[in-house]
Amino acid sequence: MAPFTMVKRNICIAFGAYNLVAPDVLDHTADSFAFALLDDNEGVTEALEDLIEGLVGCF
């Protein structure tokens, strides 16, 4: 199964650690909610392996 990215915005605030580890994968809105960049947080675009490695570093 291919990996996908999606952030549950109602429980994930933009703390900022992900900006250091995975800036090409995650970002935040002006009101400080995190979201996935690949497909505007829809969770439908397959994430490449190197991006997944960056995400793992966020947790």
C-alpha atoms as a PDB file:
ATOM      1  CA  MET A   1       0.000   0.000   0.000  1.00  0.00           C
ATOM      2  CA  ALA A   2       1.347   3.406  -0.951  1.00  0.00           C
ATOM      3  CA  PRO A   3       1.869   6.058   1.757  1.00  0.00           C
ATOM      4  CA  PHE A   4      -0.204   9.232   1.691  1.00  0.00           C
ATOM      5  CA  THR A   5      -0.080  12.410   3.774  1.00  0.00           C
ATOM      6  CA  MET A   6      -2.900  14.146   5.573  1.00  0.00           C
ATOM      7  CA  VAL A   7      -2.974  16.180   8.766  1.00  0.00           C
ATOM      8  CA  LYS A   8      -5.956  16.058  11.106  1.00  0.00           C
ATOM      9  CA  ARG A   9      -6.263  19.821  11.422  1.00  0.00           C
ATOM     10  CA  ASN A  10      -8.636  19.728  14.372  1.00  0.00           C
ATOM     11  CA  ILE A  11      -5.989  18.030  16.562  1.00  0.00           C
ATOM     12  CA  CYS A  12      -2.658  19.137  15.068  1.00  0.00           C
ATOM     13  CA  ILE A  13      -1.510  22.689  15.658  1.00  0.00           C
ATOM     14  CA  ALA A  14       1.442  24.201  13.832  1.00  0.00           C
ATOM     15  CA  PHE A  15       4.050  23.594  16.538  1.00  0.00           C
ATOM     16  CA  GLY A  16       6.845  24.118  14.043  1.00  0.00           C
ATOM     17  CA  ALA A  17       9.113  21.072  14.453  1.00  0.00           C
ATOM     18  CA  TYR A  18       7.975  19.705  11.106  1.00  0.00           C
ATOM     19  CA  ASN A  19       9.225  22.866   9.355  1.00  0.00           C
ATOM     20  CA  LEU A  20      12.755  21.879  10.314  1.00  0.00           C
ATOM     21  CA  VAL A  21      12.415  18.177   9.481  1.00  0.00           C
ATOM     22  CA  ALA A  22      10.010  18.050   6.523  1.00  0.00           C
ATOM     23  CA  PRO A  23       9.530  21.528   4.994  1.00  0.00           C
ATOM     24  CA  ASP A  24       8.678  20.039   1.575  1.00  0.00           C
ATOM     25  CA  VAL A  25       5.873  17.938   3.050  1.00  0.00           C
ATOM     26  CA  LEU A  26       4.141  20.019   5.720  1.00  0.00           C
ATOM     27  CA  ASP A  27       3.298  23.674   6.240  1.00  0.00           C
ATOM     28  CA  HIS A  28       0.862  25.718   8.300  1.00  0.00           C
ATOM     29  CA  THR A  29      -1.938  28.166   7.702  1.00  0.00           C
ATOM     30  CA  ALA A  30      -2.020  31.777   8.875  1.00  0.00           C
ATOM     31  CA  ASP A  31      -4.176  30.670  11.804  1.00  0.00           C
ATOM     32  CA  SER A  32      -1.551  28.076  12.887  1.00  0.00           C
ATOM     33  CA  PHE A  33      -3.013  24.800  11.673  1.00  0.00           C
ATOM     34  CA  ALA A  34      -0.702  22.276  10.017  1.00  0.00           C
ATOM     35  CA  PHE A  35      -1.468  20.765   6.609  1.00  0.00           C
ATOM     36  CA  ALA A  36       0.163  18.530   3.990  1.00  0.00           C
ATOM     37  CA  LEU A  37       1.523  20.294   0.905  1.00  0.00           C
ATOM     38  CA  LEU A  38       1.412  17.412  -1.574  1.00  0.00           C
ATOM     39  CA  ASP A  39      -2.287  17.659  -2.348  1.00  0.00           C
ATOM     40  CA  ASP A  40      -3.542  20.487  -0.143  1.00  0.00           C
ATOM     41  CA  ASN A  41      -4.188  18.029   2.693  1.00  0.00           C
ATOM     42  CA  GLU A  42      -6.593  15.825   0.717  1.00  0.00           C
ATOM     43  CA  GLY A  43      -4.620  12.612   1.307  1.00  0.00           C
ATOM     44  CA  VAL A  44      -4.967  11.374  -2.280  1.00  0.00           C
ATOM     45  CA  THR A  45      -1.466  11.897  -3.736  1.00  0.00           C
ATOM     46  CA  GLU A  46       1.113   9.180  -3.125  1.00  0.00           C
ATOM     47  CA  ALA A  47       4.075  10.390  -1.080  1.00  0.00           C
ATOM     48  CA  LEU A  48       7.576   9.564  -2.278  1.00  0.00           C
ATOM     49  CA  GLU A  49       9.818   7.513   0.013  1.00  0.00           C
ATOM     50  CA  ASP A  50      12.238  10.368   0.777  1.00  0.00           C
ATOM     51  CA  LEU A  51       9.320  12.519   1.908  1.00  0.00           C
ATOM     52  CA  ILE A  52       8.089   9.764   4.197  1.00  0.00           C
ATOM     53  CA  GLU A  53      11.523   9.578   5.821  1.00  0.00           C
ATOM     54  CA  GLY A  54      11.230  13.302   6.610  1.00  0.00           C
ATOM     55  CA  LEU A  55       7.788  12.805   8.110  1.00  0.00           C
ATOM     56  CA  VAL A  56       8.987  10.028  10.378  1.00  0.00           C
ATOM     57  CA  GLY A  57      11.429  12.498  11.893  1.00  0.00           C
ATOM     58  CA  CYS A  58       8.526  14.706  12.972  1.00  0.00           C
ATOM     59  CA  PHE A  59       7.138  12.132  15.384  1.00  0.00           C
END
